[in-house]
Amino acid sequence: MKEFVEELIKYVVDEPDEVQVTEILGQRTIVFEARVAGGDMGQVIGRKGENIRSIRTLLIAVAARYSKRAFLEILDTNGHNRPEETAFLEPDTDSPRNNNRPEQDHKEPSK
């Protein structure tokens, strides 16, 4: 499966020679750490995460055939995740969709 993941990622990036995939085996899980050049992170992730979601879906399907669970982490060549992937965003208090709005009076439906 390691070669499968490596080939999928190499197909997407501009610098395929920089792609390195490490496989960490557990009893029922496999974690793949893929290192790509910093400039290729966006291509691997894709617009709205479509590329990485598709790669992970294929990986999960292949792993299921071996009764395993698979996970894929994408790192740059320095070993860091992109901050956008790991940061938790604070809710926007000025947003009209804010859930912290005061409750509105609700009328009981008349019978």
C-alpha atoms as a PDB file:
ATOM      1  CA  MET A   1       0.000   0.000   0.000  1.00  0.00           C
ATOM      2  CA  LYS A   2       2.915   2.332   0.601  1.00  0.00           C
ATOM      3  CA  GLU A   3       3.784   2.284  -3.101  1.00  0.00           C
ATOM      4  CA  PHE A   4       0.135   2.925  -3.974  1.00  0.00           C
ATOM      5  CA  VAL A   5       0.019   6.059  -1.794  1.00  0.00           C
ATOM      6  CA  GLU A   6       3.376   7.233  -3.119  1.00  0.00           C
ATOM      7  CA  GLU A   7       2.295   6.898  -6.757  1.00  0.00           C
ATOM      8  CA  LEU A   8      -0.991   8.714  -6.159  1.00  0.00           C
ATOM      9  CA  ILE A   9       0.768  11.657  -4.545  1.00  0.00           C
ATOM     10  CA  LYS A  10       3.578  11.755  -7.126  1.00  0.00           C
ATOM     11  CA  TYR A  11       0.975  12.049  -9.863  1.00  0.00           C
ATOM     12  CA  VAL A  12      -0.423  15.255  -8.305  1.00  0.00           C
ATOM     13  CA  VAL A  13       2.741  17.208  -7.372  1.00  0.00           C
ATOM     14  CA  ASP A  14       5.201  19.269  -9.421  1.00  0.00           C
ATOM     15  CA  GLU A  15       8.247  17.747  -7.708  1.00  0.00           C
ATOM     16  CA  PRO A  16       7.629  13.972  -7.585  1.00  0.00           C
ATOM     17  CA  ASP A  17      11.256  13.270  -6.609  1.00  0.00           C
ATOM     18  CA  GLU A  18      10.640  15.080  -3.293  1.00  0.00           C
ATOM     19  CA  VAL A  19       7.787  12.747  -2.262  1.00  0.00           C
ATOM     20  CA  GLN A  20       8.643  10.392   0.602  1.00  0.00           C
ATOM     21  CA  VAL A  21       6.110   8.086   2.225  1.00  0.00           C
ATOM     22  CA  THR A  22       6.685   6.459   5.598  1.00  0.00           C
ATOM     23  CA  GLU A  23       4.512   3.576   6.758  1.00  0.00           C
ATOM     24  CA  ILE A  24       3.839   3.084  10.477  1.00  0.00           C
ATOM     25  CA  LEU A  25       2.258  -0.290  11.158  1.00  0.00           C
ATOM     26  CA  GLY A  26      -0.024  -0.995  14.076  1.00  0.00           C
ATOM     27  CA  GLN A  27      -1.956  -4.114  14.908  1.00  0.00           C
ATOM     28  CA  ARG A  28      -5.075  -3.040  13.011  1.00  0.00           C
ATOM     29  CA  THR A  29      -4.058   0.361  11.669  1.00  0.00           C
ATOM     30  CA  ILE A  30      -1.556   1.775   9.228  1.00  0.00           C
ATOM     31  CA  VAL A  31      -0.479   5.405   9.333  1.00  0.00           C
ATOM     32  CA  PHE A  32       1.143   6.863   6.243  1.00  0.00           C
ATOM     33  CA  GLU A  33       3.192  10.030   6.543  1.00  0.00           C
ATOM     34  CA  ALA A  34       3.768  11.604   3.153  1.00  0.00           C
ATOM     35  CA  ARG A  35       6.390  14.331   2.906  1.00  0.00           C
ATOM     36  CA  VAL A  36       6.160  16.680  -0.061  1.00  0.00           C
ATOM     37  CA  ALA A  37       7.932  19.877  -1.076  1.00  0.00           C
ATOM     38  CA  GLY A  38       6.439  22.939   0.604  1.00  0.00           C
ATOM     39  CA  GLY A  39       5.109  24.308  -2.673  1.00  0.00           C
ATOM     40  CA  ASP A  40       3.291  21.062  -3.435  1.00  0.00           C
ATOM     41  CA  MET A  41       1.187  21.010  -0.267  1.00  0.00           C
ATOM     42  CA  GLY A  42      -1.623  22.962  -1.921  1.00  0.00           C
ATOM     43  CA  GLN A  43      -1.700  20.628  -4.894  1.00  0.00           C
ATOM     44  CA  VAL A  44      -1.935  17.547  -2.709  1.00  0.00           C
ATOM     45  CA  ILE A  45      -4.715  19.096  -0.653  1.00  0.00           C
ATOM     46  CA  GLY A  46      -6.525  20.493  -3.685  1.00  0.00           C
ATOM     47  CA  ARG A  47      -9.346  22.975  -3.908  1.00  0.00           C
ATOM     48  CA  LYS A  48     -11.551  22.640  -0.825  1.00  0.00           C
ATOM     49  CA  GLY A  49      -9.576  19.505   0.100  1.00  0.00           C
ATOM     50  CA  GLU A  50     -10.901  17.489  -2.828  1.00  0.00           C
ATOM     51  CA  ASN A  51      -7.590  15.859  -3.778  1.00  0.00           C
ATOM     52  CA  ILE A  52      -6.613  14.744  -0.284  1.00  0.00           C
ATOM     53  CA  ARG A  53     -10.155  13.535   0.394  1.00  0.00           C
ATOM     54  CA  SER A  54     -10.077  11.432  -2.772  1.00  0.00           C
ATOM     55  CA  ILE A  55      -6.650   9.978  -1.977  1.00  0.00           C
ATOM     56  CA  ARG A  56      -7.768   9.121   1.562  1.00  0.00           C
ATOM     57  CA  THR A  57     -10.964   7.505   0.257  1.00  0.00           C
ATOM     58  CA  LEU A  58      -8.981   5.264  -2.087  1.00  0.00           C
ATOM     59  CA  LEU A  59      -6.530   4.416   0.689  1.00  0.00           C
ATOM     60  CA  ILE A  60      -9.330   3.496   3.086  1.00  0.00           C
ATOM     61  CA  ALA A  61     -10.926   1.261   0.442  1.00  0.00           C
ATOM     62  CA  VAL A  62      -7.672  -0.584  -0.245  1.00  0.00           C
ATOM     63  CA  ALA A  63      -6.909  -0.956   3.475  1.00  0.00           C
ATOM     64  CA  ALA A  64     -10.373  -2.391   4.119  1.00  0.00           C
ATOM     65  CA  ARG A  65      -9.557  -5.283   1.779  1.00  0.00           C
ATOM     66  CA  TYR A  66      -6.795  -6.209   4.242  1.00  0.00           C
ATOM     67  CA  SER A  67      -9.037  -5.650   7.291  1.00  0.00           C
ATOM     68  CA  LYS A  68      -6.991  -2.627   8.289  1.00  0.00           C
ATOM     69  CA  ARG A  69      -7.720   1.036   8.982  1.00  0.00           C
ATOM     70  CA  ALA A  70      -5.504   3.522   7.192  1.00  0.00           C
ATOM     71  CA  PHE A  71      -4.683   7.156   7.913  1.00  0.00           C
ATOM     72  CA  LEU A  72      -2.744   9.621   5.791  1.00  0.00           C
ATOM     73  CA  GLU A  73      -0.866  12.664   7.073  1.00  0.00           C
ATOM     74  CA  ILE A  74       0.651  15.132   4.630  1.00  0.00           C
ATOM     75  CA  LEU A  75       3.791  16.919   5.834  1.00  0.00           C
ATOM     76  CA  ASP A  76       6.125  19.328   4.105  1.00  0.00           C
ATOM     77  CA  THR A  77       9.772  18.308   3.701  1.00  0.00           C
ATOM     78  CA  ASN A  78      10.530  19.909   7.086  1.00  0.00           C
ATOM     79  CA  GLY A  79       8.014  17.607   8.758  1.00  0.00           C
ATOM     80  CA  HIS A  80       5.360  20.240   9.515  1.00  0.00           C
ATOM     81  CA  ASN A  81       1.653  20.217   8.799  1.00  0.00           C
ATOM     82  CA  ARG A  82       0.201  23.344   7.288  1.00  0.00           C
ATOM     83  CA  PRO A  83      -1.136  25.610  10.045  1.00  0.00           C
ATOM     84  CA  GLU A  84      -4.525  25.853   8.335  1.00  0.00           C
ATOM     85  CA  GLU A  85      -5.031  22.110   8.721  1.00  0.00           C
ATOM     86  CA  THR A  86      -4.459  21.991  12.456  1.00  0.00           C
ATOM     87  CA  ALA A  87      -5.688  25.379  13.680  1.00  0.00           C
ATOM     88  CA  PHE A  88      -9.047  25.691  15.337  1.00  0.00           C
ATOM     89  CA  LEU A  89     -10.892  28.824  14.350  1.00  0.00           C
ATOM     90  CA  GLU A  90     -12.669  30.989  16.884  1.00  0.00           C
ATOM     91  CA  PRO A  91     -16.332  31.661  16.113  1.00  0.00           C
ATOM     92  CA  ASP A  92     -17.025  34.968  14.412  1.00  0.00           C
ATOM     93  CA  THR A  93     -19.033  36.940  16.956  1.00  0.00           C
ATOM     94  CA  ASP A  94     -20.148  39.489  14.355  1.00  0.00           C
ATOM     95  CA  SER A  95     -21.522  36.850  12.021  1.00  0.00           C
ATOM     96  CA  PRO A  96     -25.296  36.798  11.543  1.00  0.00           C
ATOM     97  CA  ARG A  97     -25.057  33.015  11.808  1.00  0.00           C
ATOM     98  CA  ASN A  98     -23.555  33.206  15.283  1.00  0.00           C
ATOM     99  CA  ASN A  99     -25.112  30.653  17.621  1.00  0.00           C
ATOM    100  CA  ASN A 100     -24.680  32.977  20.610  1.00  0.00           C
ATOM    101  CA  ARG A 101     -27.630  35.166  19.592  1.00  0.00           C
ATOM    102  CA  PRO A 102     -30.236  35.974  22.213  1.00  0.00           C
ATOM    103  CA  GLU A 103     -33.137  33.603  21.969  1.00  0.00           C
ATOM    104  CA  GLN A 104     -36.173  34.907  20.168  1.00  0.00           C
ATOM    105  CA  ASP A 105     -39.658  34.625  21.553  1.00  0.00           C
ATOM    106  CA  HIS A 106     -41.453  31.713  19.991  1.00  0.00           C
ATOM    107  CA  LYS A 107     -45.242  31.663  19.866  1.00  0.00           C
ATOM    108  CA  GLU A 108     -47.039  28.447  20.510  1.00  0.00           C
ATOM    109  CA  PRO A 109     -49.046  27.335  17.488  1.00  0.00           C
ATOM    110  CA  SER A 110     -52.752  27.878  18.006  1.00  0.00           C
ATOM    111  CA  LYS A 111     -55.007  24.868  17.810  1.00  0.00           C
END
